[in-house]
């Protein structure tokens, strides 16, 4: 925790006090909000009205917030000095960057994504409209569901590893044993997503998770 003494002002906060309050708020965010996997988190405190009262707090300032939502664009942090009975609220903007699978070539609807079609870029996660993919392996072999341009971030709704009406291999795993059969996907799905599949032999409809290209797995 930073340690700094303010010069006393009985009327309004000094520029040094304002800066310190902002620093405390930003530090609180960095220490309490989870960073994106493989990415970075920055915190930028908004301007504070210099007319607020702040004293030379005899102890460290206390910061707190009702929100720890890592996906929020802004979080309000309460900074206070209980000993001198003052507090102020600081709006802090979160800047989250993370790895996202991005196309290096344009693809048409129905084409399969290969390794040379995609790369990983660090992007501002707040600008993502929908969930993307943080690894290349998550999208290689997937079929694109619409025309996509080079430079676009691949979102989950853009692709399917298993697509509706695809013939798939159903892997049934129980007590270390695996049995396979064929089926038909009744909906689109990406890696790890649960979809409905119709067993071609029994005509039974089951829930299974997408485990690979044209493959789903059921664990009993």
Protein backbone atom coordinates (compact mmCIF):
# COMPACT_ATOMS: atom_id res chain seq x y z
CA UNK A 1 0.00 0.00 0.00
CA UNK A 2 1.27 3.41 -0.84
CA UNK A 3 2.21 5.65 2.04
CA UNK A 4 1.90 9.40 1.59
CA UNK A 5 0.98 12.40 3.75
CA UNK A 6 -1.30 15.12 2.48
CA UNK A 7 -0.85 18.79 3.21
CA UNK A 8 -3.83 19.96 5.25
CA UNK A 9 -6.63 21.86 3.57
CA UNK A 10 -9.79 22.80 5.46
CA UNK A 11 -11.71 23.84 2.35
CA UNK A 12 -10.91 21.71 -0.66
CA UNK A 13 -8.60 18.93 -1.75
CA UNK A 14 -5.19 19.77 -3.14
CA UNK A 15 -4.04 18.37 -6.51
CA UNK A 16 -1.75 15.99 -4.62
CA UNK A 17 -4.64 14.71 -2.53
CA UNK A 18 -6.79 14.21 -5.63
CA UNK A 19 -4.01 12.25 -7.34
CA UNK A 20 -3.50 10.07 -4.28
CA UNK A 21 -7.22 9.31 -3.95
CA UNK A 22 -7.31 8.31 -7.62
CA UNK A 23 -4.25 6.11 -7.13
CA UNK A 24 -5.85 4.35 -4.17
CA UNK A 25 -9.01 3.68 -6.21
CA UNK A 26 -7.01 2.35 -9.16
CA UNK A 27 -4.87 0.20 -6.89
CA UNK A 28 -8.01 -1.28 -5.31
CA UNK A 29 -9.28 -2.36 -8.74
CA UNK A 30 -5.96 -3.93 -9.75
CA UNK A 31 -5.74 -5.86 -6.47
CA UNK A 32 -9.35 -7.06 -6.32
CA UNK A 33 -10.54 -7.61 -9.89
CA UNK A 34 -9.52 -10.80 -11.68
CA UNK A 35 -7.27 -10.26 -14.67
CA UNK A 36 -8.20 -11.82 -18.03
CA UNK A 37 -6.46 -15.14 -18.67
CA UNK A 38 -3.29 -14.41 -20.61
CA UNK A 39 -4.15 -10.71 -20.72
CA UNK A 40 -3.84 -7.48 -18.79
CA UNK A 41 -6.01 -5.25 -16.63
CA UNK A 42 -5.56 -1.49 -16.36
CA UNK A 43 -7.53 0.90 -14.17
CA UNK A 44 -8.10 4.58 -14.93
CA UNK A 45 -9.78 6.75 -12.31
CA UNK A 46 -12.11 9.49 -13.50
CA UNK A 47 -11.56 13.15 -12.63
CA UNK A 48 -12.52 14.13 -9.09
CA UNK A 49 -14.10 17.46 -8.19
CA UNK A 50 -11.36 19.45 -6.45
CA UNK A 51 -13.97 21.04 -4.18
CA UNK A 52 -14.28 17.85 -2.14
CA UNK A 53 -12.91 17.94 1.40
CA UNK A 54 -9.86 15.81 2.17
CA UNK A 55 -7.57 15.92 5.16
CA UNK A 56 -4.13 14.66 6.07
CA UNK A 57 -5.51 11.26 7.04
CA UNK A 58 -3.58 9.90 10.06
CA UNK A 59 -3.87 6.33 8.72
CA UNK A 60 -3.98 4.70 5.30
CA UNK A 61 -7.04 5.47 3.20
CA UNK A 62 -9.58 2.64 2.95
CA UNK A 63 -10.97 1.61 -0.43
CA UNK A 64 -13.98 -0.62 -1.05
CA UNK A 65 -16.61 -1.37 -3.67
CA UNK A 66 -19.89 -3.24 -3.90
CA UNK A 67 -18.90 -4.61 -7.30
CA UNK A 68 -16.13 -6.98 -8.31
CA UNK A 69 -17.54 -7.68 -11.77
CA UNK A 70 -14.50 -8.14 -13.99
CA UNK A 71 -16.63 -7.64 -17.10
CA UNK A 72 -17.85 -4.19 -16.07
CA UNK A 73 -16.69 -1.15 -18.01
CA UNK A 74 -16.64 1.04 -14.89
CA UNK A 75 -16.65 0.33 -11.17
CA UNK A 76 -17.33 2.87 -8.44
CA UNK A 77 -14.83 2.73 -5.58
CA UNK A 78 -15.42 4.30 -2.17
CA UNK A 79 -12.28 5.91 -0.74
CA UNK A 80 -12.53 7.07 2.86
CA UNK A 81 -10.70 8.26 5.95
CA UNK A 82 -12.81 7.14 8.95
CA UNK A 83 -10.59 8.95 11.46
CA UNK A 84 -11.31 12.35 9.91
CA UNK A 85 -14.85 11.44 8.86
CA UNK A 86 -14.63 12.03 5.11
CA UNK A 87 -15.17 9.89 2.05
CA UNK A 88 -15.56 10.20 -1.71
CA UNK A 89 -16.70 7.96 -4.54
CA UNK A 90 -14.39 7.46 -7.52
CA UNK A 91 -15.48 6.03 -10.87
CA UNK A 92 -12.75 3.79 -12.29
CA UNK A 93 -12.69 2.62 -15.90
CA UNK A 94 -11.49 -0.93 -16.53
CA UNK A 95 -9.31 -1.57 -19.58
CA UNK A 96 -9.10 -5.32 -20.16
CA UNK A 97 -7.01 -6.82 -22.94
CA UNK A 98 -6.80 -10.48 -23.79
CA UNK A 99 -5.84 -12.96 -26.52
CA UNK A 100 -8.50 -13.54 -29.18
CA UNK A 101 -8.50 -15.71 -32.30
CA UNK A 102 -8.54 -13.38 -35.32
CA UNK A 103 -8.83 -14.20 -39.02
CA UNK A 104 -5.86 -13.51 -41.28
CA UNK A 105 -7.80 -14.36 -44.44
CA UNK A 106 -11.40 -13.79 -45.52
CA UNK A 107 -13.63 -16.88 -45.44
CA UNK A 108 -16.98 -17.60 -47.02
CA UNK A 109 -19.91 -19.31 -45.36
CA UNK A 110 -19.33 -23.07 -45.14
CA UNK A 111 -15.52 -22.93 -45.37
CA UNK A 112 -13.36 -24.70 -42.79
CA UNK A 113 -10.87 -22.73 -40.69
CA UNK A 114 -7.28 -23.96 -41.05
CA UNK A 115 -4.15 -23.02 -39.12
CA UNK A 116 -3.01 -20.46 -41.72
CA UNK A 117 -6.39 -18.67 -41.59
CA UNK A 118 -6.10 -17.51 -37.99
CA UNK A 119 -3.77 -15.83 -35.51
CA UNK A 120 -3.92 -14.56 -31.94
CA UNK A 121 -4.17 -10.82 -31.30
CA UNK A 122 -4.37 -8.92 -28.02
CA UNK A 123 -7.61 -6.94 -28.11
CA UNK A 124 -9.72 -4.67 -25.92
CA UNK A 125 -12.18 -7.15 -24.40
CA UNK A 126 -14.70 -4.41 -23.60
CA UNK A 127 -15.30 -3.98 -27.32
CA UNK A 128 -16.28 -7.60 -27.90
CA UNK A 129 -19.98 -7.92 -28.63
CA UNK A 130 -20.01 -11.65 -27.89
CA UNK A 131 -17.74 -14.34 -26.49
CA UNK A 132 -14.70 -15.13 -28.60
CA UNK A 133 -11.91 -17.71 -28.44
CA UNK A 134 -8.59 -17.28 -26.66
CA UNK A 135 -6.72 -20.09 -28.42
CA UNK A 136 -6.19 -21.05 -32.06
CA UNK A 137 -6.91 -24.72 -31.38
CA UNK A 138 -10.46 -23.83 -30.34
CA UNK A 139 -11.34 -22.72 -33.89
CA UNK A 140 -9.18 -24.84 -36.22
CA UNK A 141 -11.40 -27.27 -38.11
CA UNK A 142 -14.57 -25.31 -37.40
CA UNK A 143 -16.99 -24.34 -40.16
CA UNK A 144 -17.86 -20.66 -40.57
CA UNK A 145 -21.60 -19.94 -40.52
CA UNK A 146 -21.39 -16.65 -42.43
CA UNK A 147 -18.96 -14.68 -44.58
CA UNK A 148 -16.10 -13.35 -42.44
CA UNK A 149 -13.48 -10.75 -43.34
CA UNK A 150 -9.75 -10.80 -42.68
CA UNK A 151 -9.02 -9.06 -39.37
CA UNK A 152 -12.32 -10.01 -37.76
CA UNK A 153 -12.34 -11.51 -34.28
CA UNK A 154 -13.99 -14.93 -34.41
CA UNK A 155 -17.02 -15.02 -32.12
CA UNK A 156 -18.80 -18.15 -30.90
CA UNK A 157 -21.86 -17.50 -33.04
CA UNK A 158 -19.65 -17.29 -36.16
CA UNK A 159 -18.60 -20.94 -36.23
CA UNK A 160 -19.61 -24.47 -35.38
CA UNK A 161 -17.24 -27.35 -34.69
CA UNK A 162 -20.28 -29.59 -34.96
CA UNK A 163 -23.01 -28.15 -37.17
CA UNK A 164 -26.71 -28.92 -37.34
CA UNK A 165 -27.46 -32.02 -39.45
CA UNK A 166 -23.80 -33.12 -39.40
CA UNK A 167 -23.14 -36.85 -39.08
CA UNK A 168 -21.18 -37.18 -35.83
CA UNK A 169 -19.42 -39.83 -33.81
CA UNK A 170 -21.01 -40.28 -30.39
CA UNK A 171 -18.53 -41.38 -27.72
CA UNK A 172 -20.14 -42.88 -24.62
CA UNK A 173 -17.67 -43.05 -21.72
CA UNK A 174 -18.36 -45.05 -18.55
CA UNK A 175 -15.91 -46.38 -15.96
CA UNK A 176 -12.98 -45.94 -18.30
CA UNK A 177 -14.67 -47.78 -21.18
CA UNK A 178 -15.61 -46.02 -24.42
CA UNK A 179 -18.31 -47.08 -26.86
CA UNK A 180 -18.82 -45.25 -30.15
CA UNK A 181 -21.77 -44.99 -32.49
CA UNK A 182 -23.08 -42.62 -35.13
CA UNK A 183 -25.63 -39.86 -34.78
CA UNK A 184 -26.98 -36.65 -36.24
CA UNK A 185 -26.43 -33.24 -34.64
CA UNK A 186 -29.70 -31.40 -34.05
CA UNK A 187 -28.02 -28.04 -33.36
CA UNK A 188 -24.75 -26.18 -33.83
CA UNK A 189 -22.04 -26.35 -31.20
CA UNK A 190 -18.45 -25.28 -30.47
CA UNK A 191 -15.84 -27.01 -28.30
CA UNK A 192 -17.28 -27.86 -24.86
CA UNK A 193 -20.84 -26.81 -25.67
CA UNK A 194 -23.73 -29.16 -24.98
CA UNK A 195 -25.98 -29.97 -27.92
CA UNK A 196 -28.83 -32.34 -28.78
CA UNK A 197 -27.88 -35.38 -30.85
CA UNK A 198 -30.01 -38.13 -32.36
CA UNK A 199 -28.59 -41.66 -32.12
CA UNK A 200 -28.86 -43.11 -35.63
CA UNK A 201 -29.36 -46.69 -34.37
CA UNK A 202 -31.87 -46.17 -31.58
CA UNK A 203 -33.35 -42.84 -32.75
CA UNK A 204 -32.96 -41.73 -29.14
CA UNK A 205 -32.24 -38.02 -28.61
CA UNK A 206 -29.48 -37.34 -26.10
CA UNK A 207 -27.52 -34.39 -24.70
CA UNK A 208 -23.80 -34.53 -25.47
CA UNK A 209 -20.82 -32.19 -25.39
CA UNK A 210 -18.83 -31.25 -28.47
CA UNK A 211 -15.38 -32.80 -27.98
CA UNK A 212 -13.83 -32.55 -31.45
CA UNK A 213 -14.61 -31.98 -35.10
CA UNK A 214 -17.72 -34.08 -35.91
CA UNK A 215 -17.50 -35.69 -32.45
CA UNK A 216 -19.56 -35.48 -29.26
CA UNK A 217 -19.05 -37.17 -25.91
CA UNK A 218 -21.45 -38.45 -23.26
CA UNK A 219 -20.04 -39.34 -19.84
CA UNK A 220 -22.09 -41.64 -17.61
